[in-house]
Amino acid sequence: MLPAKTITYFCNAQNTPLTTSWKSAFKATQQPYTVIQHLLMGMNAHINLDLGIAAAETSKGIGIQTIKKDFDLINNIIGSLINTVQKDLEEICAPMKLVKYVDNRSKESVINFSITTARNTAWANAVSLSAVVPNRYDHYINTLDSNINLVASKIINPNFSQSLILRTVRAFEPKDVGEIIKYLRD
């Protein structure tokens, strides 16, 4: 693990500072959170913030509605991968099956609901952002980023019962990042 002070957070060659939600995701890599927490931190920043910005940049104003069908199609593709991701996570760590106890309907619904909610939020953010006047654009993104970072805080600071389950899962997860990546890649 690298000391936090040696990490500089920039998002491109022009040294544009990262958003707060991405900083939180990268800082989380320095902590022993569960694989699912790390995945959710990246997904939170990417889906909730980046996706909305990208969609808004693609089509401004009422033109944003022209990409809604494609946006929804991508939701369906991501949703179809949930079972595979869940099986991969269970392969990494058998106690990951405990996640099903967070939601009594099914283990997949916990992750799927999060992704569905995030993508719906991303679409709402895209629609709103596409209508923001240029001189308020950065302020609007910063406000979105602050709200999205609150979600990140909940991911890394779960409630008591979720924390117990996650600690159990973490105790059985491989500690080698390369091994985890191998499971997820295969």
C-alpha atoms as a PDB file:
ATOM      1  CA  MET A   1       0.000   0.000   0.000  1.00  0.00           C
ATOM      2  CA  LEU A   2       1.355   3.415  -0.981  1.00  0.00           C
ATOM      3  CA  PRO A   3       1.295   6.218   1.530  1.00  0.00           C
ATOM      4  CA  ALA A   4      -1.599   8.551   0.649  1.00  0.00           C
ATOM      5  CA  LYS A   5       0.722  11.566   0.418  1.00  0.00           C
ATOM      6  CA  THR A   6       2.531  10.084  -2.631  1.00  0.00           C
ATOM      7  CA  ILE A   7      -0.626   9.995  -4.730  1.00  0.00           C
ATOM      8  CA  THR A   8      -1.571  12.947  -6.912  1.00  0.00           C
ATOM      9  CA  TYR A   9      -5.101  12.977  -8.271  1.00  0.00           C
ATOM     10  CA  PHE A  10      -5.457  14.408 -11.772  1.00  0.00           C
ATOM     11  CA  CYS A  11      -7.840  13.224 -14.453  1.00  0.00           C
ATOM     12  CA  ASN A  12      -5.965  14.095 -17.653  1.00  0.00           C
ATOM     13  CA  ALA A  13      -2.776  15.374 -19.219  1.00  0.00           C
ATOM     14  CA  GLN A  14      -3.879  18.977 -18.653  1.00  0.00           C
ATOM     15  CA  ASN A  15      -3.707  18.327 -14.883  1.00  0.00           C
ATOM     16  CA  THR A  16      -7.403  18.989 -14.360  1.00  0.00           C
ATOM     17  CA  PRO A  17      -8.124  18.080 -10.744  1.00  0.00           C
ATOM     18  CA  LEU A  18     -10.308  15.058 -10.140  1.00  0.00           C
ATOM     19  CA  THR A  19     -13.814  15.463  -8.862  1.00  0.00           C
ATOM     20  CA  THR A  20     -14.412  14.790  -5.184  1.00  0.00           C
ATOM     21  CA  SER A  21     -16.265  11.548  -5.892  1.00  0.00           C
ATOM     22  CA  TRP A  22     -13.333  10.212  -7.946  1.00  0.00           C
ATOM     23  CA  LYS A  23     -10.837  11.319  -5.284  1.00  0.00           C
ATOM     24  CA  SER A  24     -12.856   9.325  -2.746  1.00  0.00           C
ATOM     25  CA  ALA A  25     -12.814   6.273  -5.028  1.00  0.00           C
ATOM     26  CA  PHE A  26      -9.042   6.464  -5.502  1.00  0.00           C
ATOM     27  CA  LYS A  27      -8.369   7.158  -1.830  1.00  0.00           C
ATOM     28  CA  ALA A  28     -10.482   4.100  -0.968  1.00  0.00           C
ATOM     29  CA  THR A  29      -7.932   1.948  -2.808  1.00  0.00           C
ATOM     30  CA  GLN A  30      -5.555   2.676   0.045  1.00  0.00           C
ATOM     31  CA  GLN A  31      -7.911   1.028   2.550  1.00  0.00           C
ATOM     32  CA  PRO A  32      -8.802  -2.624   3.079  1.00  0.00           C
ATOM     33  CA  TYR A  33     -12.427  -2.369   1.975  1.00  0.00           C
ATOM     34  CA  THR A  34     -14.164  -5.318   0.325  1.00  0.00           C
ATOM     35  CA  VAL A  35     -13.957  -5.884  -3.398  1.00  0.00           C
ATOM     36  CA  ILE A  36     -17.635  -4.981  -3.740  1.00  0.00           C
ATOM     37  CA  GLN A  37     -17.042  -1.676  -1.917  1.00  0.00           C
ATOM     38  CA  HIS A  38     -14.154  -0.833  -4.244  1.00  0.00           C
ATOM     39  CA  LEU A  39     -16.252  -1.729  -7.294  1.00  0.00           C
ATOM     40  CA  LEU A  40     -19.177   0.335  -6.043  1.00  0.00           C
ATOM     41  CA  MET A  41     -16.934   3.350  -5.346  1.00  0.00           C
ATOM     42  CA  GLY A  42     -15.746   3.400  -8.961  1.00  0.00           C
ATOM     43  CA  MET A  43     -19.217   2.700 -10.312  1.00  0.00           C
ATOM     44  CA  ASN A  44     -20.646   5.492  -8.171  1.00  0.00           C
ATOM     45  CA  ALA A  45     -18.316   8.125  -9.613  1.00  0.00           C
ATOM     46  CA  HIS A  46     -18.456   6.762 -13.138  1.00  0.00           C
ATOM     47  CA  ILE A  47     -22.180   6.113 -13.472  1.00  0.00           C
ATOM     48  CA  ASN A  48     -23.643   8.804 -11.238  1.00  0.00           C
ATOM     49  CA  LEU A  49     -21.340  11.624 -12.361  1.00  0.00           C
ATOM     50  CA  ASP A  50     -19.397  10.844 -15.535  1.00  0.00           C
ATOM     51  CA  LEU A  51     -22.243   9.192 -17.407  1.00  0.00           C
ATOM     52  CA  GLY A  52     -24.605  12.106 -16.827  1.00  0.00           C
ATOM     53  CA  ILE A  53     -21.962  14.590 -17.941  1.00  0.00           C
ATOM     54  CA  ALA A  54     -21.107  12.535 -21.036  1.00  0.00           C
ATOM     55  CA  ALA A  55     -24.767  12.227 -22.047  1.00  0.00           C
ATOM     56  CA  ALA A  56     -25.340  15.959 -21.510  1.00  0.00           C
ATOM     57  CA  GLU A  57     -22.239  16.807 -23.544  1.00  0.00           C
ATOM     58  CA  THR A  58     -23.448  14.528 -26.347  1.00  0.00           C
ATOM     59  CA  SER A  59     -26.761  16.282 -26.807  1.00  0.00           C
ATOM     60  CA  LYS A  60     -27.782  19.635 -25.323  1.00  0.00           C
ATOM     61  CA  GLY A  61     -31.223  20.913 -24.396  1.00  0.00           C
ATOM     62  CA  ILE A  62     -34.278  19.007 -25.584  1.00  0.00           C
ATOM     63  CA  GLY A  63     -32.035  17.115 -28.007  1.00  0.00           C
ATOM     64  CA  ILE A  64     -30.969  14.979 -25.052  1.00  0.00           C
ATOM     65  CA  GLN A  65     -34.143  12.927 -25.535  1.00  0.00           C
ATOM     66  CA  THR A  66     -32.781  11.658 -28.874  1.00  0.00           C
ATOM     67  CA  ILE A  67     -30.230   9.500 -27.039  1.00  0.00           C
ATOM     68  CA  LYS A  68     -32.608   8.105 -24.383  1.00  0.00           C
ATOM     69  CA  LYS A  69     -33.249   4.846 -26.290  1.00  0.00           C
ATOM     70  CA  ASP A  70     -29.502   4.124 -26.561  1.00  0.00           C
ATOM     71  CA  PHE A  71     -28.994   5.080 -22.927  1.00  0.00           C
ATOM     72  CA  ASP A  72     -31.706   2.599 -21.879  1.00  0.00           C
ATOM     73  CA  LEU A  73     -30.272  -0.100 -24.134  1.00  0.00           C
ATOM     74  CA  ILE A  74     -26.962   0.162 -22.304  1.00  0.00           C
ATOM     75  CA  ASN A  75     -28.868  -0.212 -19.001  1.00  0.00           C
ATOM     76  CA  ASN A  76     -30.267  -3.510 -20.266  1.00  0.00           C
ATOM     77  CA  ILE A  77     -26.815  -4.760 -21.275  1.00  0.00           C
ATOM     78  CA  ILE A  78     -25.351  -3.880 -17.876  1.00  0.00           C
ATOM     79  CA  GLY A  79     -28.308  -5.498 -16.112  1.00  0.00           C
ATOM     80  CA  SER A  80     -27.708  -8.724 -18.048  1.00  0.00           C
ATOM     81  CA  LEU A  81     -24.165  -8.936 -16.618  1.00  0.00           C
ATOM     82  CA  ILE A  82     -25.180  -8.775 -12.943  1.00  0.00           C
ATOM     83  CA  ASN A  83     -25.424 -12.535 -12.403  1.00  0.00           C
ATOM     84  CA  THR A  84     -21.971 -13.044 -13.923  1.00  0.00           C
ATOM     85  CA  VAL A  85     -20.448 -10.367 -11.698  1.00  0.00           C
ATOM     86  CA  GLN A  86     -22.134 -11.867  -8.625  1.00  0.00           C
ATOM     87  CA  LYS A  87     -20.742 -15.330  -9.452  1.00  0.00           C
ATOM     88  CA  ASP A  88     -17.269 -13.850  -9.968  1.00  0.00           C
ATOM     89  CA  LEU A  89     -17.467 -12.124  -6.595  1.00  0.00           C
ATOM     90  CA  GLU A  90     -18.572 -15.378  -4.946  1.00  0.00           C
ATOM     91  CA  GLU A  91     -15.642 -17.144  -6.608  1.00  0.00           C
ATOM     92  CA  ILE A  92     -13.284 -14.579  -5.122  1.00  0.00           C
ATOM     93  CA  CYS A  93     -14.885 -15.017  -1.727  1.00  0.00           C
ATOM     94  CA  ALA A  94     -17.552 -17.596  -0.842  1.00  0.00           C
ATOM     95  CA  PRO A  95     -18.946 -15.465   2.036  1.00  0.00           C
ATOM     96  CA  MET A  96     -19.945 -12.932  -0.637  1.00  0.00           C
ATOM     97  CA  LYS A  97     -23.112 -15.054  -0.750  1.00  0.00           C
ATOM     98  CA  LEU A  98     -24.003 -13.288   2.517  1.00  0.00           C
ATOM     99  CA  VAL A  99     -24.956 -10.229   0.466  1.00  0.00           C
ATOM    100  CA  LYS A 100     -28.285 -11.927  -0.208  1.00  0.00           C
ATOM    101  CA  TYR A 101     -29.180 -11.299   3.420  1.00  0.00           C
ATOM    102  CA  VAL A 102     -28.967  -7.552   2.916  1.00  0.00           C
ATOM    103  CA  ASP A 103     -32.055  -7.811   0.691  1.00  0.00           C
ATOM    104  CA  ASN A 104     -34.348 -10.791   1.254  1.00  0.00           C
ATOM    105  CA  ARG A 105     -35.550 -10.874  -2.373  1.00  0.00           C
ATOM    106  CA  SER A 106     -32.284 -12.067  -3.944  1.00  0.00           C
ATOM    107  CA  LYS A 107     -28.570 -11.461  -3.850  1.00  0.00           C
ATOM    108  CA  GLU A 108     -28.589 -10.034  -7.377  1.00  0.00           C
ATOM    109  CA  SER A 109     -31.229  -7.439  -6.558  1.00  0.00           C
ATOM    110  CA  VAL A 110     -28.887  -5.603  -4.179  1.00  0.00           C
ATOM    111  CA  ILE A 111     -26.346  -4.883  -6.904  1.00  0.00           C
ATOM    112  CA  ASN A 112     -28.897  -4.579  -9.705  1.00  0.00           C
ATOM    113  CA  PHE A 113     -30.947  -2.051  -7.758  1.00  0.00           C
ATOM    114  CA  SER A 114     -27.856   0.023  -7.146  1.00  0.00           C
ATOM    115  CA  ILE A 115     -26.941   0.028 -10.826  1.00  0.00           C
ATOM    116  CA  THR A 116     -30.509   0.705 -11.937  1.00  0.00           C
ATOM    117  CA  THR A 117     -30.850   3.547  -9.454  1.00  0.00           C
ATOM    118  CA  ALA A 118     -27.465   4.968 -10.448  1.00  0.00           C
ATOM    119  CA  ARG A 119     -28.263   4.875 -14.162  1.00  0.00           C
ATOM    120  CA  ASN A 120     -31.678   6.446 -13.599  1.00  0.00           C
ATOM    121  CA  THR A 121     -29.959   9.150 -11.574  1.00  0.00           C
ATOM    122  CA  ALA A 122     -27.364   9.585 -14.325  1.00  0.00           C
ATOM    123  CA  TRP A 123     -30.135  10.108 -16.868  1.00  0.00           C
ATOM    124  CA  ALA A 124     -31.888  12.658 -14.647  1.00  0.00           C
ATOM    125  CA  ASN A 125     -28.544  14.423 -14.151  1.00  0.00           C
ATOM    126  CA  ALA A 126     -27.912  14.395 -17.915  1.00  0.00           C
ATOM    127  CA  VAL A 127     -31.312  15.907 -18.680  1.00  0.00           C
ATOM    128  CA  SER A 128     -30.853  18.611 -16.040  1.00  0.00           C
ATOM    129  CA  LEU A 129     -27.248  19.320 -16.993  1.00  0.00           C
ATOM    130  CA  SER A 130     -28.104  19.567 -20.698  1.00  0.00           C
ATOM    131  CA  ALA A 131     -30.377  22.513 -19.882  1.00  0.00           C
ATOM    132  CA  VAL A 132     -27.993  24.380 -17.556  1.00  0.00           C
ATOM    133  CA  VAL A 133     -26.798  27.730 -18.838  1.00  0.00           C
ATOM    134  CA  PRO A 134     -23.054  27.796 -19.577  1.00  0.00           C
ATOM    135  CA  ASN A 135     -22.094  30.136 -16.746  1.00  0.00           C
ATOM    136  CA  ARG A 136     -23.727  27.765 -14.183  1.00  0.00           C
ATOM    137  CA  TYR A 137     -22.398  24.521 -15.721  1.00  0.00           C
ATOM    138  CA  ASP A 138     -19.319  24.068 -13.503  1.00  0.00           C
ATOM    139  CA  HIS A 139     -21.257  25.008 -10.382  1.00  0.00           C
ATOM    140  CA  TYR A 140     -23.950  22.470 -11.261  1.00  0.00           C
ATOM    141  CA  ILE A 141     -21.348  19.717 -11.782  1.00  0.00           C
ATOM    142  CA  ASN A 142     -19.670  20.588  -8.473  1.00  0.00           C
ATOM    143  CA  THR A 143     -23.031  20.355  -6.700  1.00  0.00           C
ATOM    144  CA  LEU A 144     -23.733  16.988  -8.348  1.00  0.00           C
ATOM    145  CA  ASP A 145     -20.268  15.804  -7.388  1.00  0.00           C
ATOM    146  CA  SER A 146     -20.823  16.760  -3.741  1.00  0.00           C
ATOM    147  CA  ASN A 147     -24.095  14.817  -3.659  1.00  0.00           C
ATOM    148  CA  ILE A 148     -22.517  11.815  -5.378  1.00  0.00           C
ATOM    149  CA  ASN A 149     -19.665  11.905  -2.891  1.00  0.00           C
ATOM    150  CA  LEU A 150     -22.264  11.480  -0.116  1.00  0.00           C
ATOM    151  CA  VAL A 151     -23.161   8.151  -1.740  1.00  0.00           C
ATOM    152  CA  ALA A 152     -19.454   7.239  -1.680  1.00  0.00           C
ATOM    153  CA  SER A 153     -19.382   7.992   2.031  1.00  0.00           C
ATOM    154  CA  LYS A 154     -22.247   5.547   2.594  1.00  0.00           C
ATOM    155  CA  ILE A 155     -20.445   2.868   0.585  1.00  0.00           C
ATOM    156  CA  ILE A 156     -17.326   3.069   2.745  1.00  0.00           C
ATOM    157  CA  ASN A 157     -19.242   3.714   5.978  1.00  0.00           C
ATOM    158  CA  PRO A 158     -22.124   1.211   5.850  1.00  0.00           C
ATOM    159  CA  ASN A 159     -24.697   0.766   8.592  1.00  0.00           C
ATOM    160  CA  PHE A 160     -23.985  -1.651  11.442  1.00  0.00           C
ATOM    161  CA  SER A 161     -25.531  -4.806   9.949  1.00  0.00           C
ATOM    162  CA  GLN A 162     -23.999  -4.178   6.521  1.00  0.00           C
ATOM    163  CA  SER A 163     -20.657  -3.529   8.186  1.00  0.00           C
ATOM    164  CA  LEU A 164     -20.770  -6.903   9.971  1.00  0.00           C
ATOM    165  CA  ILE A 165     -21.472  -8.713   6.714  1.00  0.00           C
ATOM    166  CA  LEU A 166     -18.772  -6.794   4.866  1.00  0.00           C
ATOM    167  CA  ARG A 167     -16.187  -7.493   7.585  1.00  0.00           C
ATOM    168  CA  THR A 168     -16.972 -11.205   7.304  1.00  0.00           C
ATOM    169  CA  VAL A 169     -16.645 -11.075   3.543  1.00  0.00           C
ATOM    170  CA  ARG A 170     -13.367  -9.128   3.761  1.00  0.00           C
ATOM    171  CA  ALA A 171     -11.837 -11.675   6.147  1.00  0.00           C
ATOM    172  CA  PHE A 172     -12.168 -14.343   3.446  1.00  0.00           C
ATOM    173  CA  GLU A 173     -11.258 -12.296   0.374  1.00  0.00           C
ATOM    174  CA  PRO A 174      -7.849 -12.711  -1.229  1.00  0.00           C
ATOM    175  CA  LYS A 175      -5.475  -9.929  -0.221  1.00  0.00           C
ATOM    176  CA  ASP A 176      -3.592 -10.020  -3.544  1.00  0.00           C
ATOM    177  CA  VAL A 177      -5.112  -7.503  -5.971  1.00  0.00           C
ATOM    178  CA  GLY A 178      -3.671  -9.426  -8.926  1.00  0.00           C
ATOM    179  CA  GLU A 179      -5.520 -12.557  -7.836  1.00  0.00           C
ATOM    180  CA  ILE A 180      -8.782 -10.617  -7.538  1.00  0.00           C
ATOM    181  CA  ILE A 181      -8.314  -9.091 -10.996  1.00  0.00           C
ATOM    182  CA  LYS A 182      -7.647 -12.567 -12.418  1.00  0.00           C
ATOM    183  CA  TYR A 183     -10.984 -13.801 -11.061  1.00  0.00           C
ATOM    184  CA  LEU A 184     -12.851 -10.809 -12.452  1.00  0.00           C
ATOM    185  CA  ARG A 185     -11.114 -10.976 -15.823  1.00  0.00           C
ATOM    186  CA  ASP A 186     -11.635 -14.704 -16.473  1.00  0.00           C
END
